[in-house]
């Protein structure tokens, strides 16, 4: 990045780049999952692997457990948000920090 950029401006640019790269990654990932693209390139190979995980089905728990405050805790989440000068909320990009 340019050394004379204000950190707020640099963060906004980095996030724009990240958004563009994430969109490209999603396109490529979808191509490997749905298309019959060759998985081997000249410098890298794509591996597709199914990963299984257990997920708690909260909707199956008794209401008295779901509604019992003993099973819940409050957490604070801090947001670092960039917004261009003349901010339009439709282009909001946020970074979340959980504590």
C-alpha atoms as a PDB file:
ATOM      1  CA  UNK A   1       0.000   0.000   0.000  1.00  0.00           C
ATOM      2  CA  UNK A   2       0.974   3.603  -0.345  1.00  0.00           C
ATOM      3  CA  UNK A   3       2.804   4.937   2.689  1.00  0.00           C
ATOM      4  CA  UNK A   4       1.056   8.321   2.597  1.00  0.00           C
ATOM      5  CA  UNK A   5      -2.434   6.859   3.021  1.00  0.00           C
ATOM      6  CA  UNK A   6      -4.258   7.499   6.263  1.00  0.00           C
ATOM      7  CA  UNK A   7      -4.862   4.176   8.059  1.00  0.00           C
ATOM      8  CA  UNK A   8      -8.649   4.627   7.720  1.00  0.00           C
ATOM      9  CA  UNK A   9      -8.311   5.016   3.945  1.00  0.00           C
ATOM     10  CA  UNK A  10      -5.940   2.057   3.732  1.00  0.00           C
ATOM     11  CA  UNK A  11      -8.321  -0.146   5.744  1.00  0.00           C
ATOM     12  CA  UNK A  12     -11.179   0.788   3.405  1.00  0.00           C
ATOM     13  CA  UNK A  13      -9.036  -0.110   0.359  1.00  0.00           C
ATOM     14  CA  UNK A  14      -7.929  -3.407   1.892  1.00  0.00           C
ATOM     15  CA  UNK A  15     -11.550  -4.312   2.558  1.00  0.00           C
ATOM     16  CA  UNK A  16     -12.519  -3.476  -1.019  1.00  0.00           C
ATOM     17  CA  UNK A  17      -9.733  -5.785  -2.212  1.00  0.00           C
ATOM     18  CA  UNK A  18     -10.851  -8.502   0.201  1.00  0.00           C
ATOM     19  CA  UNK A  19     -14.437  -8.268  -1.032  1.00  0.00           C
ATOM     20  CA  UNK A  20     -13.298  -8.550  -4.650  1.00  0.00           C
ATOM     21  CA  UNK A  21     -11.037 -11.511  -3.808  1.00  0.00           C
ATOM     22  CA  UNK A  22     -13.775 -13.254  -1.788  1.00  0.00           C
ATOM     23  CA  UNK A  23     -16.182 -12.903  -4.726  1.00  0.00           C
ATOM     24  CA  UNK A  24     -13.559 -14.371  -7.061  1.00  0.00           C
ATOM     25  CA  UNK A  25     -12.835 -17.184  -4.598  1.00  0.00           C
ATOM     26  CA  UNK A  26     -16.557 -18.007  -4.381  1.00  0.00           C
ATOM     27  CA  UNK A  27     -16.775 -18.159  -8.178  1.00  0.00           C
ATOM     28  CA  UNK A  28     -13.742 -20.454  -8.420  1.00  0.00           C
ATOM     29  CA  UNK A  29     -14.846 -22.637  -5.495  1.00  0.00           C
ATOM     30  CA  UNK A  30     -18.294 -23.020  -7.058  1.00  0.00           C
ATOM     31  CA  UNK A  31     -16.647 -23.930 -10.333  1.00  0.00           C
ATOM     32  CA  UNK A  32     -14.701 -26.758  -8.740  1.00  0.00           C
ATOM     33  CA  UNK A  33     -17.708 -28.010  -6.792  1.00  0.00           C
ATOM     34  CA  UNK A  34     -20.287 -27.827  -9.608  1.00  0.00           C
ATOM     35  CA  UNK A  35     -18.279 -28.032 -12.820  1.00  0.00           C
ATOM     36  CA  UNK A  36     -15.917 -30.657 -14.101  1.00  0.00           C
ATOM     37  CA  UNK A  37     -12.907 -28.352 -14.003  1.00  0.00           C
ATOM     38  CA  UNK A  38      -9.493 -29.946 -13.908  1.00  0.00           C
ATOM     39  CA  UNK A  39      -8.245 -29.790 -10.333  1.00  0.00           C
ATOM     40  CA  UNK A  40      -4.568 -29.761 -11.218  1.00  0.00           C
ATOM     41  CA  UNK A  41      -2.865 -26.577 -12.338  1.00  0.00           C
ATOM     42  CA  UNK A  42       0.767 -25.890 -13.089  1.00  0.00           C
ATOM     43  CA  UNK A  43       1.457 -24.690  -9.525  1.00  0.00           C
ATOM     44  CA  UNK A  44      -1.412 -25.935  -7.372  1.00  0.00           C
ATOM     45  CA  UNK A  45      -3.943 -28.711  -7.037  1.00  0.00           C
ATOM     46  CA  UNK A  46      -7.472 -28.416  -5.675  1.00  0.00           C
ATOM     47  CA  UNK A  47      -8.621 -31.052  -3.207  1.00  0.00           C
ATOM     48  CA  UNK A  48     -12.311 -31.432  -2.404  1.00  0.00           C
ATOM     49  CA  UNK A  49     -12.986 -33.045   0.927  1.00  0.00           C
ATOM     50  CA  UNK A  50     -16.255 -33.636   2.780  1.00  0.00           C
ATOM     51  CA  UNK A  51     -16.066 -32.620   6.429  1.00  0.00           C
ATOM     52  CA  UNK A  52     -18.684 -33.803   8.895  1.00  0.00           C
ATOM     53  CA  UNK A  53     -19.546 -32.035  12.115  1.00  0.00           C
ATOM     54  CA  UNK A  54     -22.094 -32.323  14.869  1.00  0.00           C
ATOM     55  CA  UNK A  55     -24.600 -29.501  15.141  1.00  0.00           C
ATOM     56  CA  UNK A  56     -26.853 -28.960  18.121  1.00  0.00           C
ATOM     57  CA  UNK A  57     -30.470 -28.770  17.041  1.00  0.00           C
ATOM     58  CA  UNK A  58     -31.629 -26.141  19.490  1.00  0.00           C
ATOM     59  CA  UNK A  59     -35.202 -26.332  18.195  1.00  0.00           C
ATOM     60  CA  UNK A  60     -35.408 -29.888  19.616  1.00  0.00           C
ATOM     61  CA  UNK A  61     -34.486 -28.817  23.164  1.00  0.00           C
ATOM     62  CA  UNK A  62     -37.265 -28.398  25.736  1.00  0.00           C
ATOM     63  CA  UNK A  63     -38.421 -24.768  26.046  1.00  0.00           C
ATOM     64  CA  UNK A  64     -37.525 -24.689  29.737  1.00  0.00           C
ATOM     65  CA  UNK A  65     -33.880 -25.293  28.839  1.00  0.00           C
ATOM     66  CA  UNK A  66     -33.783 -22.849  25.917  1.00  0.00           C
ATOM     67  CA  UNK A  67     -35.380 -20.114  28.035  1.00  0.00           C
ATOM     68  CA  UNK A  68     -33.330 -20.770  31.193  1.00  0.00           C
ATOM     69  CA  UNK A  69     -30.824 -17.906  31.693  1.00  0.00           C
ATOM     70  CA  UNK A  70     -28.453 -20.386  33.365  1.00  0.00           C
ATOM     71  CA  UNK A  71     -27.560 -21.695  29.892  1.00  0.00           C
ATOM     72  CA  UNK A  72     -26.892 -18.283  28.347  1.00  0.00           C
ATOM     73  CA  UNK A  73     -24.196 -15.658  28.665  1.00  0.00           C
ATOM     74  CA  UNK A  74     -23.978 -12.112  27.359  1.00  0.00           C
ATOM     75  CA  UNK A  75     -21.058 -11.177  25.139  1.00  0.00           C
ATOM     76  CA  UNK A  76     -19.968  -7.852  23.815  1.00  0.00           C
ATOM     77  CA  UNK A  77     -19.002  -7.565  20.156  1.00  0.00           C
ATOM     78  CA  UNK A  78     -16.935  -4.607  18.968  1.00  0.00           C
ATOM     79  CA  UNK A  79     -17.256  -3.515  15.352  1.00  0.00           C
ATOM     80  CA  UNK A  80     -14.612  -1.752  13.310  1.00  0.00           C
ATOM     81  CA  UNK A  81     -16.428  -0.321  10.324  1.00  0.00           C
ATOM     82  CA  UNK A  82     -15.129   1.622   7.368  1.00  0.00           C
ATOM     83  CA  UNK A  83     -17.357   4.077   5.612  1.00  0.00           C
ATOM     84  CA  UNK A  84     -16.490   6.471   2.851  1.00  0.00           C
ATOM     85  CA  UNK A  85     -16.888  10.159   3.565  1.00  0.00           C
ATOM     86  CA  UNK A  86     -20.474  10.878   2.542  1.00  0.00           C
ATOM     87  CA  UNK A  87     -21.400   7.454   3.993  1.00  0.00           C
ATOM     88  CA  UNK A  88     -24.093   5.314   2.343  1.00  0.00           C
ATOM     89  CA  UNK A  89     -25.136   2.483   4.695  1.00  0.00           C
ATOM     90  CA  UNK A  90     -25.817   0.064   1.793  1.00  0.00           C
ATOM     91  CA  UNK A  91     -22.049  -0.369   1.246  1.00  0.00           C
ATOM     92  CA  UNK A  92     -21.279  -1.232   4.877  1.00  0.00           C
ATOM     93  CA  UNK A  93     -18.351  -3.617   5.477  1.00  0.00           C
ATOM     94  CA  UNK A  94     -17.591  -4.572   9.068  1.00  0.00           C
ATOM     95  CA  UNK A  95     -14.933  -6.437  10.995  1.00  0.00           C
ATOM     96  CA  UNK A  96     -16.193  -8.136  14.149  1.00  0.00           C
ATOM     97  CA  UNK A  97     -14.232  -8.716  17.312  1.00  0.00           C
ATOM     98  CA  UNK A  98     -15.804 -10.924  19.937  1.00  0.00           C
ATOM     99  CA  UNK A  99     -14.829 -10.673  23.564  1.00  0.00           C
END
